[in-house]
PDB file of N, CA and C in Angstrom:
ATOM      1  N   MET A   1      44.092 -41.188  59.046  1.00  0.00           N
ATOM      2  CA  MET A   1      43.165 -42.785  58.472  1.00  0.00           C
ATOM      3  C   MET A   1      42.505 -42.397  57.643  1.00  0.00           C
ATOM      4  N   GLY A   2      42.837 -43.416  56.272  1.00  0.00           N
ATOM      5  CA  GLY A   2      41.950 -43.921  55.154  1.00  0.00           C
ATOM      6  C   GLY A   2      41.028 -44.337  55.156  1.00  0.00           C
ATOM      7  N   TRP A   3      40.090 -44.626  56.461  1.00  0.00           N
ATOM      8  CA  TRP A   3      38.491 -44.873  56.251  1.00  0.00           C
ATOM      9  C   TRP A   3      37.814 -43.687  55.778  1.00  0.00           C
ATOM     10  N   ASN A   4      36.299 -44.362  55.190  1.00  0.00           N
ATOM     11  CA  ASN A   4      35.568 -42.949  54.757  1.00  0.00           C
ATOM     12  C   ASN A   4      34.502 -43.802  55.857  1.00  0.00           C
ATOM     13  N   PRO A   5      33.413 -42.607  55.524  1.00  0.00           N
ATOM     14  CA  PRO A   5      31.958 -43.160  56.233  1.00  0.00           C
ATOM     15  C   PRO A   5      31.373 -44.083  56.044  1.00  0.00           C
ATOM     16  N   SER A   6      31.586 -44.691  54.810  1.00  0.00           N
ATOM     17  CA  SER A   6      30.910 -45.771  54.262  1.00  0.00           C
ATOM     18  C   SER A   6      31.389 -47.205  54.874  1.00  0.00           C
ATOM     19  N   ASP A   7      32.885 -46.713  54.571  1.00  0.00           N
ATOM     20  CA  ASP A   7      33.626 -47.631  55.697  1.00  0.00           C
ATOM     21  C   ASP A   7      33.440 -48.116  57.303  1.00  0.00           C
ATOM     22  N   MET A   8      32.926 -47.330  57.958  1.00  0.00           N
ATOM     23  CA  MET A   8      32.195 -47.279  59.508  1.00  0.00           C
ATOM     24  C   MET A   8      30.930 -48.497  58.757  1.00  0.00           C
ATOM     25  N   LEU A   9      30.541 -48.653  57.853  1.00  0.00           N
ATOM     26  CA  LEU A   9      29.386 -49.761  57.837  1.00  0.00           C
ATOM     27  C   LEU A   9      29.702 -50.372  57.927  1.00  0.00           C
ATOM     28  N   ARG A  10      30.806 -51.052  57.815  1.00  0.00           N
ATOM     29  CA  ARG A  10      31.573 -52.518  57.703  1.00  0.00           C
ATOM     30  C   ARG A  10      31.231 -52.959  58.640  1.00  0.00           C
ATOM     31  N   ARG A  11      31.148 -54.333  59.543  1.00  0.00           N
ATOM     32  CA  ARG A  11      31.202 -55.012  60.444  1.00  0.00           C
ATOM     33  C   ARG A  11      32.649 -54.491  61.260  1.00  0.00           C
ATOM     34  N   PRO A  12      33.735 -55.317  60.234  1.00  0.00           N
ATOM     35  CA  PRO A  12      34.759 -55.486  60.557  1.00  0.00           C
ATOM     36  C   PRO A  12      35.891 -54.283  61.204  1.00  0.00           C
ATOM     37  N   ILE A  13      35.318 -53.033  60.324  1.00  0.00           N
ATOM     38  CA  ILE A  13      36.009 -51.835  60.674  1.00  0.00           C
ATOM     39  C   ILE A  13      35.074 -51.227  61.735  1.00  0.00           C
ATOM     40  N   ALA A  14      33.819 -51.217  61.868  1.00  0.00           N
ATOM     41  CA  ALA A  14      32.573 -50.709  63.393  1.00  0.00           C
ATOM     42  C   ALA A  14      32.927 -51.655  64.133  1.00  0.00           C
ATOM     43  N   GLU A  15      33.665 -52.855  64.184  1.00  0.00           N
ATOM     44  CA  GLU A  15      33.641 -53.912  65.601  1.00  0.00           C
ATOM     45  C   GLU A  15      35.252 -53.028  66.188  1.00  0.00           C
ATOM     46  N   ARG A  16      36.223 -52.164  65.564  1.00  0.00           N
ATOM     47  CA  ARG A  16      37.578 -52.663  65.161  1.00  0.00           C
ATOM     48  C   ARG A  16      37.104 -50.823  66.303  1.00  0.00           C
ATOM     49  N   ALA A  17      36.471 -49.916  65.987  1.00  0.00           N
ATOM     50  CA  ALA A  17      36.025 -48.680  66.869  1.00  0.00           C
ATOM     51  C   ALA A  17      35.264 -48.734  67.512  1.00  0.00           C
ATOM     52  N   GLU A  18      34.638 -49.903  68.178  1.00  0.00           N
ATOM     53  CA  GLU A  18      34.264 -50.052  68.943  1.00  0.00           C
ATOM     54  C   GLU A  18      35.233 -50.051  70.328  1.00  0.00           C
ATOM     55  N   ARG A  19      36.001 -50.882  69.907  1.00  0.00           N
ATOM     56  CA  ARG A  19      36.932 -51.661  70.555  1.00  0.00           C
ATOM     57  C   ARG A  19      38.167 -50.833  70.765  1.00  0.00           C
ATOM     58  N   SER A  20      38.272 -49.473  69.705  1.00  0.00           N
ATOM     59  CA  SER A  20      39.135 -48.913  70.115  1.00  0.00           C
ATOM     60  C   SER A  20      40.652 -49.374  69.529  1.00  0.00           C
ATOM     61  N   VAL A  21      40.536 -50.633  68.651  1.00  0.00           N
ATOM     62  CA  VAL A  21      41.696 -51.135  68.470  1.00  0.00           C
ATOM     63  C   VAL A  21      42.658 -50.111  67.530  1.00  0.00           C
ATOM     64  N   THR A  22      42.598 -49.548  66.622  1.00  0.00           N
ATOM     65  CA  THR A  22      43.313 -48.312  66.163  1.00  0.00           C
ATOM     66  C   THR A  22      44.061 -47.466  66.713  1.00  0.00           C
ATOM     67  N   PRO A  23      43.425 -46.627  67.575  1.00  0.00           N
ATOM     68  CA  PRO A  23      43.619 -46.152  68.294  1.00  0.00           C
ATOM     69  C   PRO A  23      44.902 -46.273  69.338  1.00  0.00           C
ATOM     70  N   ASN A  24      44.727 -47.443  69.714  1.00  0.00           N
ATOM     71  CA  ASN A  24      45.212 -47.921  70.785  1.00  0.00           C
ATOM     72  C   ASN A  24      46.914 -48.477  70.170  1.00  0.00           C
ATOM     73  N   LEU A  25      46.155 -49.127  68.952  1.00  0.00           N
ATOM     74  CA  LEU A  25      47.905 -49.427  68.090  1.00  0.00           C
ATOM     75  C   LEU A  25      48.220 -48.254  67.672  1.00  0.00           C
ATOM     76  N   TRP A  26      48.036 -46.723  67.719  1.00  0.00           N
ATOM     77  CA  TRP A  26      48.605 -46.135  66.902  1.00  0.00           C
ATOM     78  C   TRP A  26      49.243 -45.466  68.222  1.00  0.00           C
ATOM     79  N   SER A  27      48.549 -45.314  69.311  1.00  0.00           N
ATOM     80  CA  SER A  27      49.300 -44.644  70.302  1.00  0.00           C
ATOM     81  C   SER A  27      50.668 -45.923  71.213  1.00  0.00           C
ATOM     82  N   ALA A  28      50.414 -47.030  70.843  1.00  0.00           N
ATOM     83  CA  ALA A  28      51.760 -48.417  71.129  1.00  0.00           C
ATOM     84  C   ALA A  28      52.851 -47.596  69.964  1.00  0.00           C
ATOM     85  N   LEU A  29      52.513 -47.216  68.921  1.00  0.00           N
ATOM     86  CA  LEU A  29      53.209 -47.408  67.548  1.00  0.00           C
ATOM     87  C   LEU A  29      54.230 -46.335  68.124  1.00  0.00           C
ATOM     88  N   VAL A  30      53.592 -44.654  68.452  1.00  0.00           N
ATOM     89  CA  VAL A  30      54.096 -43.577  68.945  1.00  0.00           C
ATOM     90  C   VAL A  30      54.919 -43.513  69.846  1.00  0.00           C
ATOM     91  N   ALA A  31      54.584 -44.530  71.189  1.00  0.00           N
ATOM     92  CA  ALA A  31      55.039 -44.186  72.313  1.00  0.00           C
ATOM     93  C   ALA A  31      56.426 -45.523  72.339  1.00  0.00           C
ATOM     94  N   SER A  32      56.391 -46.219  70.887  1.00  0.00           N
ATOM     95  CA  SER A  32      57.627 -47.179  70.625  1.00  0.00           C
ATOM     96  C   SER A  32      59.028 -46.405  69.720  1.00  0.00           C
ATOM     97  N   ALA A  33      58.327 -45.209  69.105  1.00  0.00           N
ATOM     98  CA  ALA A  33      58.906 -44.327  68.547  1.00  0.00           C
ATOM     99  C   ALA A  33      60.169 -43.619  68.906  1.00  0.00           C
ATOM    100  N   ARG A  34      61.470 -43.417  68.575  1.00  0.00           N
ATOM    101  CA  ARG A  34      62.591 -42.794  69.478  1.00  0.00           C
ATOM    102  C   ARG A  34      62.132 -41.736  68.575  1.00  0.00           C
ATOM    103  N   ASN A  35      61.819 -40.720  67.428  1.00  0.00           N
ATOM    104  CA  ASN A  35      61.162 -39.490  67.587  1.00  0.00           C
ATOM    105  C   ASN A  35      59.703 -38.997  67.592  1.00  0.00           C
ATOM    106  N   ARG A  36      59.270 -39.760  68.824  1.00  0.00           N
ATOM    107  CA  ARG A  36      57.923 -39.764  69.673  1.00  0.00           C
ATOM    108  C   ARG A  36      57.569 -38.426  69.562  1.00  0.00           C
ATOM    109  N   HIS A  37      58.549 -37.549  70.000  1.00  0.00           N
ATOM    110  CA  HIS A  37      58.349 -35.994  70.190  1.00  0.00           C
ATOM    111  C   HIS A  37      57.974 -35.221  69.082  1.00  0.00           C
ATOM    112  N   CYS A  38      58.308 -35.690  68.191  1.00  0.00           N
ATOM    113  CA  CYS A  38      58.046 -35.057  66.383  1.00  0.00           C
ATOM    114  C   CYS A  38      56.531 -35.404  66.099  1.00  0.00           C
ATOM    115  N   ILE A  39      56.146 -37.264  66.429  1.00  0.00           N
ATOM    116  CA  ILE A  39      55.175 -37.378  66.074  1.00  0.00           C
ATOM    117  C   ILE A  39      53.344 -36.685  66.544  1.00  0.00           C
ATOM    118  N   ASP A  40      52.969 -36.252  65.689  1.00  0.00           N
ATOM    119  CA  ASP A  40      51.505 -35.804  66.534  1.00  0.00           C
ATOM    120  C   ASP A  40      51.135 -37.322  67.288  1.00  0.00           C
ATOM    121  N   ASP A  41      50.189 -37.341  68.432  1.00  0.00           N
ATOM    122  CA  ASP A  41      49.779 -38.902  68.714  1.00  0.00           C
ATOM    123  C   ASP A  41      48.459 -38.719  68.936  1.00  0.00           C
ATOM    124  N   LYS A  42      47.833 -38.010  68.010  1.00  0.00           N
ATOM    125  CA  LYS A  42      46.004 -37.623  67.793  1.00  0.00           C
ATOM    126  C   LYS A  42      45.891 -38.344  66.440  1.00  0.00           C
ATOM    127  N   LEU A  43      44.999 -39.226  66.473  1.00  0.00           N
ATOM    128  CA  LEU A  43      44.693 -40.267  65.557  1.00  0.00           C
ATOM    129  C   LEU A  43      43.482 -39.799  64.486  1.00  0.00           C
ATOM    130  N   HIS A  44      43.829 -39.290  63.525  1.00  0.00           N
ATOM    131  CA  HIS A  44      42.758 -38.273  62.581  1.00  0.00           C
ATOM    132  C   HIS A  44      42.015 -39.397  61.338  1.00  0.00           C
ATOM    133  N   PHE A  45      41.047 -38.860  61.291  1.00  0.00           N
ATOM    134  CA  PHE A  45      40.208 -39.765  60.449  1.00  0.00           C
ATOM    135  C   PHE A  45      39.686 -38.437  59.283  1.00  0.00           C
ATOM    136  N   PRO A  46      40.490 -37.627  58.283  1.00  0.00           N
ATOM    137  CA  PRO A  46      39.825 -36.848  57.427  1.00  0.00           C
ATOM    138  C   PRO A  46      38.702 -36.829  57.072  1.00  0.00           C
ATOM    139  N   LEU A  47      38.576 -38.148  56.338  1.00  0.00           N
ATOM    140  CA  LEU A  47      37.946 -38.274  55.470  1.00  0.00           C
ATOM    141  C   LEU A  47      36.497 -38.389  56.349  1.00  0.00           C
ATOM    142  N   ILE A  48      36.070 -39.262  57.045  1.00  0.00           N
ATOM    143  CA  ILE A  48      35.242 -39.514  58.015  1.00  0.00           C
ATOM    144  C   ILE A  48      35.081 -38.132  58.295  1.00  0.00           C
ATOM    145  N   GLU A  49      35.618 -37.229  59.030  1.00  0.00           N
ATOM    146  CA  GLU A  49      35.749 -35.778  59.847  1.00  0.00           C
ATOM    147  C   GLU A  49      34.860 -35.303  58.526  1.00  0.00           C
ATOM    148  N   GLN A  50      35.601 -35.232  57.471  1.00  0.00           N
ATOM    149  CA  GLN A  50      34.978 -34.269  56.592  1.00  0.00           C
ATOM    150  C   GLN A  50      33.704 -34.615  55.118  1.00  0.00           C
ATOM    151  N   GLY A  51      33.493 -35.950  55.880  1.00  0.00           N
ATOM    152  CA  GLY A  51      32.335 -36.539  55.292  1.00  0.00           C
ATOM    153  C   GLY A  51      32.557 -36.939  53.754  1.00  0.00           C
ATOM    154  N   ILE A  52      33.901 -37.143  53.273  1.00  0.00           N
ATOM    155  CA  ILE A  52      34.140 -37.225  51.750  1.00  0.00           C
ATOM    156  C   ILE A  52      33.736 -39.082  51.543  1.00  0.00           C
ATOM    157  N   THR A  53      32.828 -39.336  50.467  1.00  0.00           N
ATOM    158  CA  THR A  53      32.480 -40.883  50.004  1.00  0.00           C
ATOM    159  C   THR A  53      33.491 -40.991  49.321  1.00  0.00           C
ATOM    160  N   LYS A  54      33.607 -42.525  49.383  1.00  0.00           N
ATOM    161  CA  LYS A  54      34.393 -43.269  47.817  1.00  0.00           C
ATOM    162  C   LYS A  54      34.472 -42.539  46.948  1.00  0.00           C
ATOM    163  N   LYS A  55      33.492 -41.965  46.646  1.00  0.00           N
ATOM    164  CA  LYS A  55      32.968 -41.769  45.244  1.00  0.00           C
ATOM    165  C   LYS A  55      33.573 -40.479  45.027  1.00  0.00           C
ATOM    166  N   GLU A  56      33.853 -39.839  46.428  1.00  0.00           N
ATOM    167  CA  GLU A  56      33.974 -38.570  45.676  1.00  0.00           C
ATOM    168  C   GLU A  56      35.735 -38.326  45.638  1.00  0.00           C
ATOM    169  N   MET A  57      36.527 -39.421  46.331  1.00  0.00           N
ATOM    170  CA  MET A  57      37.395 -39.743  46.155  1.00  0.00           C
ATOM    171  C   MET A  57      37.997 -40.037  44.789  1.00  0.00           C
ATOM    172  N   ILE A  58      37.455 -40.748  44.494  1.00  0.00           N
ATOM    173  CA  ILE A  58      37.844 -41.771  43.343  1.00  0.00           C
ATOM    174  C   ILE A  58      37.437 -40.337  41.993  1.00  0.00           C
ATOM    175  N   GLU A  59      36.440 -39.356  42.217  1.00  0.00           N
ATOM    176  CA  GLU A  59      36.348 -38.591  41.061  1.00  0.00           C
ATOM    177  C   GLU A  59      37.017 -37.358  41.054  1.00  0.00           C
ATOM    178  N   GLU A  60      37.766 -37.217  42.172  1.00  0.00           N
ATOM    179  CA  GLU A  60      38.574 -36.446  42.711  1.00  0.00           C
ATOM    180  C   GLU A  60      39.876 -36.443  42.133  1.00  0.00           C
ATOM    181  N   MET A  61      40.608 -37.799  42.260  1.00  0.00           N
ATOM    182  CA  MET A  61      41.689 -38.509  41.556  1.00  0.00           C
ATOM    183  C   MET A  61      41.798 -38.604  40.386  1.00  0.00           C
ATOM    184  N   PRO A  62      43.463 -37.899  39.705  1.00  0.00           N
ATOM    185  CA  PRO A  62      43.636 -38.018  38.689  1.00  0.00           C
ATOM    186  C   PRO A  62      43.460 -40.032  38.070  1.00  0.00           C
ATOM    187  N   LYS A  63      43.094 -39.718  37.132  1.00  0.00           N
ATOM    188  CA  LYS A  63      43.372 -41.597  36.576  1.00  0.00           C
ATOM    189  C   LYS A  63      44.429 -42.269  36.615  1.00  0.00           C
ATOM    190  N   GLU A  64      45.616 -40.928  36.425  1.00  0.00           N
ATOM    191  CA  GLU A  64      47.218 -42.051  36.440  1.00  0.00           C
ATOM    192  C   GLU A  64      47.482 -41.892  37.893  1.00  0.00           C
ATOM    193  N   LEU A  65      47.017 -41.090  38.848  1.00  0.00           N
ATOM    194  CA  LEU A  65      47.183 -41.738  40.354  1.00  0.00           C
ATOM    195  C   LEU A  65      46.297 -42.607  40.822  1.00  0.00           C
ATOM    196  N   LEU A  66      44.823 -43.168  39.949  1.00  0.00           N
ATOM    197  CA  LEU A  66      43.992 -44.329  40.754  1.00  0.00           C
ATOM    198  C   LEU A  66      44.851 -45.236  40.026  1.00  0.00           C
ATOM    199  N   ASP A  67      45.259 -45.506  39.159  1.00  0.00           N
ATOM    200  CA  ASP A  67      45.957 -46.620  38.276  1.00  0.00           C
ATOM    201  C   ASP A  67      46.997 -47.231  38.998  1.00  0.00           C
ATOM    202  N   LEU A  68      48.066 -46.341  39.646  1.00  0.00           N
ATOM    203  CA  LEU A  68      49.106 -46.728  40.441  1.00  0.00           C
ATOM    204  C   LEU A  68      48.554 -46.917  42.374  1.00  0.00           C
ATOM    205  N   THR A  69      47.382 -47.185  42.154  1.00  0.00           N
ATOM    206  CA  THR A  69      46.828 -47.717  43.541  1.00  0.00           C
ATOM    207  C   THR A  69      46.243 -48.967  43.711  1.00  0.00           C
ATOM    208  N   VAL A  70      46.522 -49.780  44.381  1.00  0.00           N
ATOM    209  CA  VAL A  70      45.907 -51.261  44.863  1.00  0.00           C
ATOM    210  C   VAL A  70      44.988 -51.118  45.851  1.00  0.00           C
ATOM    211  N   SER A  71      43.756 -51.930  45.639  1.00  0.00           N
ATOM    212  CA  SER A  71      42.910 -51.374  46.751  1.00  0.00           C
ATOM    213  C   SER A  71      42.301 -53.194  46.916  1.00  0.00           C
ATOM    214  N   CYS A  72      42.635 -54.101  45.904  1.00  0.00           N
ATOM    215  CA  CYS A  72      42.307 -55.149  46.043  1.00  0.00           C
ATOM    216  C   CYS A  72      42.732 -55.877  47.232  1.00  0.00           C
ATOM    217  N   ARG A  73      42.083 -56.640  47.700  1.00  0.00           N
ATOM    218  CA  ARG A  73      42.262 -57.301  48.757  1.00  0.00           C
ATOM    219  C   ARG A  73      43.600 -58.622  48.160  1.00  0.00           C
ATOM    220  N   ARG A  74      43.034 -59.366  46.996  1.00  0.00           N
ATOM    221  CA  ARG A  74      43.843 -60.092  46.340  1.00  0.00           C
ATOM    222  C   ARG A  74      44.878 -59.713  45.839  1.00  0.00           C
ATOM    223  N   GLY A  75      45.082 -58.146  45.489  1.00  0.00           N
ATOM    224  CA  GLY A  75      45.917 -58.097  44.821  1.00  0.00           C
ATOM    225  C   GLY A  75      46.088 -57.854  43.388  1.00  0.00           C
ATOM    226  N   ASN A  76      44.625 -58.257  42.664  1.00  0.00           N
ATOM    227  CA  ASN A  76      44.859 -58.616  41.297  1.00  0.00           C
ATOM    228  C   ASN A  76      43.982 -58.074  40.528  1.00  0.00           C
ATOM    229  N   ASN A  77      42.800 -57.004  40.803  1.00  0.00           N
ATOM    230  CA  ASN A  77      41.829 -56.148  40.769  1.00  0.00           C
ATOM    231  C   ASN A  77      40.607 -57.334  40.428  1.00  0.00           C
ATOM    232  N   CYS A  78      40.527 -58.290  41.679  1.00  0.00           N
ATOM    233  CA  CYS A  78      39.520 -59.322  41.183  1.00  0.00           C
ATOM    234  C   CYS A  78      37.967 -58.966  41.000  1.00  0.00           C
ATOM    235  N   GLY A  79      37.391 -57.542  41.360  1.00  0.00           N
ATOM    236  CA  GLY A  79      36.494 -57.373  40.778  1.00  0.00           C
ATOM    237  C   GLY A  79      34.986 -57.538  42.120  1.00  0.00           C
ATOM    238  N   SER A  80      36.067 -58.432  42.749  1.00  0.00           N
ATOM    239  CA  SER A  80      34.431 -59.325  43.703  1.00  0.00           C
ATOM    240  C   SER A  80      34.980 -59.282  45.432  1.00  0.00           C
ATOM    241  N   CYS A  81      35.719 -58.676  45.596  1.00  0.00           N
ATOM    242  CA  CYS A  81      36.402 -57.825  47.213  1.00  0.00           C
ATOM    243  C   CYS A  81      35.475 -56.921  47.463  1.00  0.00           C
ATOM    244  N   HIS A  82      35.101 -56.500  49.199  1.00  0.00           N
ATOM    245  CA  HIS A  82      34.728 -55.407  48.702  1.00  0.00           C
ATOM    246  C   HIS A  82      35.534 -53.844  48.280  1.00  0.00           C
ATOM    247  N   ALA A  83      36.588 -53.777  48.299  1.00  0.00           N
ATOM    248  CA  ALA A  83      37.587 -53.016  47.772  1.00  0.00           C
ATOM    249  C   ALA A  83      37.586 -52.691  46.103  1.00  0.00           C
ATOM    250  N   CYS A  84      37.434 -53.884  45.607  1.00  0.00           N
ATOM    251  CA  CYS A  84      37.049 -53.480  44.334  1.00  0.00           C
ATOM    252  C   CYS A  84      35.650 -53.545  43.704  1.00  0.00           C
ATOM    253  N   ARG A  85      34.799 -53.758  44.263  1.00  0.00           N
ATOM    254  CA  ARG A  85      33.173 -53.506  44.251  1.00  0.00           C
ATOM    255  C   ARG A  85      33.083 -52.290  45.062  1.00  0.00           C
ATOM    256  N   ASP A  86      33.791 -51.764  45.363  1.00  0.00           N
ATOM    257  CA  ASP A  86      33.511 -50.172  46.482  1.00  0.00           C
ATOM    258  C   ASP A  86      34.021 -49.485  44.692  1.00  0.00           C
ATOM    259  N   ILE A  87      35.090 -49.336  44.391  1.00  0.00           N
ATOM    260  CA  ILE A  87      36.009 -48.960  43.517  1.00  0.00           C
ATOM    261  C   ILE A  87      34.549 -48.791  42.184  1.00  0.00           C
ATOM    262  N   ALA A  88      34.311 -49.929  41.975  1.00  0.00           N
ATOM    263  CA  ALA A  88      33.519 -50.147  40.725  1.00  0.00           C
ATOM    264  C   ALA A  88      32.332 -49.285  40.813  1.00  0.00           C
ATOM    265  N   LYS A  89      31.772 -49.307  42.016  1.00  0.00           N
ATOM    266  CA  LYS A  89      30.102 -48.349  42.140  1.00  0.00           C
ATOM    267  C   LYS A  89      30.642 -47.117  42.346  1.00  0.00           C
ATOM    268  N   ALA A  90      31.823 -46.554  42.727  1.00  0.00           N
ATOM    269  CA  ALA A  90      32.289 -45.465  42.643  1.00  0.00           C
ATOM    270  C   ALA A  90      32.557 -44.953  41.362  1.00  0.00           C
ATOM    271  N   MET A  91      32.860 -45.667  40.779  1.00  0.00           N
ATOM    272  CA  MET A  91      33.278 -45.209  38.825  1.00  0.00           C
ATOM    273  C   MET A  91      32.043 -45.130  38.059  1.00  0.00           C
ATOM    274  N   SER A  92      30.870 -45.906  38.548  1.00  0.00           N
ATOM    275  CA  SER A  92      29.996 -46.168  37.718  1.00  0.00           C
ATOM    276  C   SER A  92      28.905 -44.530  37.860  1.00  0.00           C
TER     277      SER A  92
END
C-alpha cells in the first residue's frame, strides 16, 4: 500500500486501519485469485514501515514521473482536495 505516515493522521484512513478494512479486503482478493499460491498474502506498507514522508517521496521522484501521476480526488489538479494540498505542501 502506498500510505505514508501522515496518511495515518487522516480520520478516514485511521478508521479503516482500526477496523482492518484494507487487510480484510486484501485477504479476500488473494483468496479469490486463481493464482493465489503465487501471491504474497501479507499486506505491506513500505512507506509507513520506512517512515518516508510525502515530501521525501516527491523530492526523490523525477519531475517527469510526478507529471504522469494523478493524485487529485477530482481528477483535475484542483488545488483544494487533500491530495493536491499534500503535494503542494511537499513541493514548497
